[in-house]
């Protein structure tokens, strides 16, 4: 009833490459339609469906509790709209880690400030850059993994330290 489609490797790679470009907005929809006209529709459908399924599996894994709670090199404290960087000093167990706050120095500041709100509103609130340094003299503390995340969801593991100060608050 269903026929198995055997695709050449070159055809599959070409279709995947063009589909990836379409998903990243590197080509227009018109260019995609022109490409589709030159391909066998069954082959195209199979490759695009497989590509979309793989993207969905990756997306589901990245949003899974196991991936989000994985122990990484840094852990950032989320305080409402502000974020403070910490480094993982020691892994006690898979549910407990020791952290130490990092020192930072702001290198790029928001340049445009408009009056209003609590104190001021900034147009480029996200135009912030910091230099991070590890300070062995900062105190070490422990956090544990619970149902809501690290320390009840206040800490988020990351591959890089993050510092954010909300100038609009």
Protein backbone atom coordinates (compact mmCIF):
# COMPACT_ATOMS: atom_id res chain seq x y z
CA UNK A 1 0.00 0.00 0.00
CA UNK A 2 2.74 2.49 0.96
CA UNK A 3 5.80 2.61 -1.18
CA UNK A 4 9.18 3.10 0.38
CA UNK A 5 11.06 6.04 -1.00
CA UNK A 6 14.79 5.67 -1.38
CA UNK A 7 16.52 8.99 -1.67
CA UNK A 8 20.01 9.64 -2.82
CA UNK A 9 22.25 11.20 -0.23
CA UNK A 10 22.89 14.23 -2.43
CA UNK A 11 19.15 14.88 -2.85
CA UNK A 12 18.51 14.54 0.89
CA UNK A 13 21.36 16.88 1.77
CA UNK A 14 20.19 19.46 -0.75
CA UNK A 15 16.60 19.38 0.52
CA UNK A 16 17.72 19.57 4.17
CA UNK A 17 20.05 22.46 3.36
CA UNK A 18 17.32 24.47 1.65
CA UNK A 19 14.77 23.67 4.38
CA UNK A 20 17.25 24.79 7.05
CA UNK A 21 17.80 28.05 5.15
CA UNK A 22 14.04 28.60 4.99
CA UNK A 23 13.64 27.98 8.75
CA UNK A 24 16.45 30.46 9.50
CA UNK A 25 15.02 33.08 7.11
CA UNK A 26 18.12 32.96 4.92
CA UNK A 27 15.98 32.52 1.79
CA UNK A 28 12.60 33.95 0.88
CA UNK A 29 9.45 31.89 0.60
CA UNK A 30 9.51 32.54 -3.14
CA UNK A 31 12.98 30.94 -3.41
CA UNK A 32 11.68 27.97 -1.42
CA UNK A 33 8.71 27.55 -3.81
CA UNK A 34 11.04 27.72 -6.82
CA UNK A 35 13.18 25.00 -5.24
CA UNK A 36 10.13 22.84 -4.51
CA UNK A 37 9.07 22.92 -8.16
CA UNK A 38 12.29 21.16 -9.14
CA UNK A 39 11.93 18.31 -6.61
CA UNK A 40 9.85 15.14 -6.44
CA UNK A 41 6.99 15.95 -4.03
CA UNK A 42 7.06 12.61 -2.19
CA UNK A 43 10.80 12.82 -1.57
CA UNK A 44 10.49 16.41 -0.46
CA UNK A 45 7.64 15.63 1.93
CA UNK A 46 9.57 12.75 3.51
CA UNK A 47 12.72 14.78 4.10
CA UNK A 48 10.86 17.82 5.45
CA UNK A 49 8.72 15.66 7.76
CA UNK A 50 11.79 13.87 9.12
CA UNK A 51 13.56 17.20 9.59
CA UNK A 52 10.60 18.69 11.44
CA UNK A 53 10.30 15.61 13.68
CA UNK A 54 14.00 15.83 14.55
CA UNK A 55 13.67 19.55 15.36
CA UNK A 56 10.65 18.82 17.56
CA UNK A 57 12.50 16.06 19.44
CA UNK A 58 15.45 18.40 20.04
CA UNK A 59 13.10 21.18 21.17
CA UNK A 60 11.30 18.80 23.56
CA UNK A 61 14.61 17.59 25.00
CA UNK A 62 15.89 21.15 25.54
CA UNK A 63 12.68 22.02 27.38
CA UNK A 64 12.70 18.84 29.45
CA UNK A 65 13.25 18.96 33.20
CA UNK A 66 16.31 16.71 32.90
CA UNK A 67 18.10 19.05 30.44
CA UNK A 68 17.15 22.29 32.20
CA UNK A 69 18.27 21.00 35.61
CA UNK A 70 21.55 19.50 34.37
CA UNK A 71 24.56 20.64 36.41
CA UNK A 72 26.71 23.07 34.46
CA UNK A 73 29.73 25.28 35.07
CA UNK A 74 27.76 28.37 36.17
CA UNK A 75 24.52 28.99 38.02
CA UNK A 76 22.75 32.35 37.92
CA UNK A 77 20.51 33.73 40.65
CA UNK A 78 17.30 35.24 39.24
CA UNK A 79 15.99 38.01 41.49
CA UNK A 80 12.78 39.14 39.79
CA UNK A 81 14.19 41.09 36.82
CA UNK A 82 17.85 41.16 37.97
CA UNK A 83 20.33 38.31 37.54
CA UNK A 84 23.47 37.63 39.61
CA UNK A 85 26.26 35.26 38.42
CA UNK A 86 27.60 32.35 40.49
CA UNK A 87 30.03 29.59 39.70
CA UNK A 88 29.68 25.94 40.62
CA UNK A 89 32.56 25.15 42.95
CA UNK A 90 31.78 21.54 43.82
CA UNK A 91 29.16 18.96 42.93
CA UNK A 92 28.11 17.30 46.19
CA UNK A 93 25.56 14.99 44.52
CA UNK A 94 23.25 15.12 41.52
CA UNK A 95 20.78 17.06 43.69
CA UNK A 96 23.17 19.33 45.60
CA UNK A 97 25.92 21.73 44.48
CA UNK A 98 28.15 24.29 46.17
CA UNK A 99 28.22 27.77 44.64
CA UNK A 100 30.26 30.94 45.02
CA UNK A 101 29.22 34.40 43.82
CA UNK A 102 31.37 35.88 41.05
CA UNK A 103 32.75 39.39 40.88
CA UNK A 104 31.87 41.45 37.82
CA UNK A 105 32.61 44.82 36.32
CA UNK A 106 30.29 46.53 33.87
CA UNK A 107 32.00 47.52 30.61
CA UNK A 108 29.05 48.74 28.51
CA UNK A 109 26.31 50.91 30.00
CA UNK A 110 22.90 51.90 28.58
CA UNK A 111 23.36 55.22 26.86
CA UNK A 112 19.85 56.61 26.36
CA UNK A 113 17.70 57.41 29.40
CA UNK A 114 14.18 58.78 29.13
CA UNK A 115 12.46 60.31 32.19
CA UNK A 116 9.36 58.54 33.51
CA UNK A 117 8.23 55.62 35.66
CA UNK A 118 9.94 55.03 39.01
CA UNK A 119 13.24 56.73 38.26
CA UNK A 120 13.85 56.53 34.52
CA UNK A 121 13.14 54.37 31.49
CA UNK A 122 16.02 53.33 29.31
CA UNK A 123 15.69 52.70 25.60
CA UNK A 124 18.59 50.26 25.47
CA UNK A 125 18.13 48.42 28.78
CA UNK A 126 19.65 45.28 27.24
CA UNK A 127 22.81 47.09 26.10
CA UNK A 128 24.89 45.81 29.01
CA UNK A 129 28.16 43.91 29.02
CA UNK A 130 30.18 42.66 31.97
CA UNK A 131 33.59 41.18 32.71
CA UNK A 132 33.43 38.27 35.17
CA UNK A 133 36.11 37.10 37.57
CA UNK A 134 36.18 34.29 40.08
CA UNK A 135 36.87 35.39 43.65
CA UNK A 136 38.04 32.61 46.00
CA UNK A 137 37.38 34.86 49.01
CA UNK A 138 33.61 34.97 48.41
CA UNK A 139 31.67 32.62 50.70
CA UNK A 140 30.60 29.18 49.46
CA UNK A 141 26.98 28.08 49.90
CA UNK A 142 24.88 25.07 48.90
CA UNK A 143 21.70 24.83 46.86
CA UNK A 144 19.54 21.79 46.27
CA UNK A 145 17.42 20.59 43.36
CA UNK A 146 13.70 20.42 44.11
CA UNK A 147 10.47 19.99 42.16
CA UNK A 148 10.55 23.61 40.97
CA UNK A 149 14.25 23.62 40.09
CA UNK A 150 17.44 24.66 41.84
CA UNK A 151 16.61 26.31 45.18
CA UNK A 152 12.89 26.41 44.32
CA UNK A 153 13.55 27.84 40.86
CA UNK A 154 15.57 30.87 41.94
CA UNK A 155 18.83 29.53 40.44
CA UNK A 156 19.24 28.52 36.79
CA UNK A 157 22.23 26.52 35.53
CA UNK A 158 24.09 27.98 32.56
CA UNK A 159 27.19 27.46 30.43
CA UNK A 160 28.20 31.10 30.92
CA UNK A 161 27.83 33.61 33.76
CA UNK A 162 25.03 36.14 33.33
CA UNK A 163 24.64 39.50 35.05
CA UNK A 164 21.67 41.74 34.30
CA UNK A 165 20.55 44.89 36.07
CA UNK A 166 17.12 46.21 35.23
CA UNK A 167 17.48 49.99 34.90
CA UNK A 168 13.72 50.35 34.33
CA UNK A 169 12.76 49.24 37.83
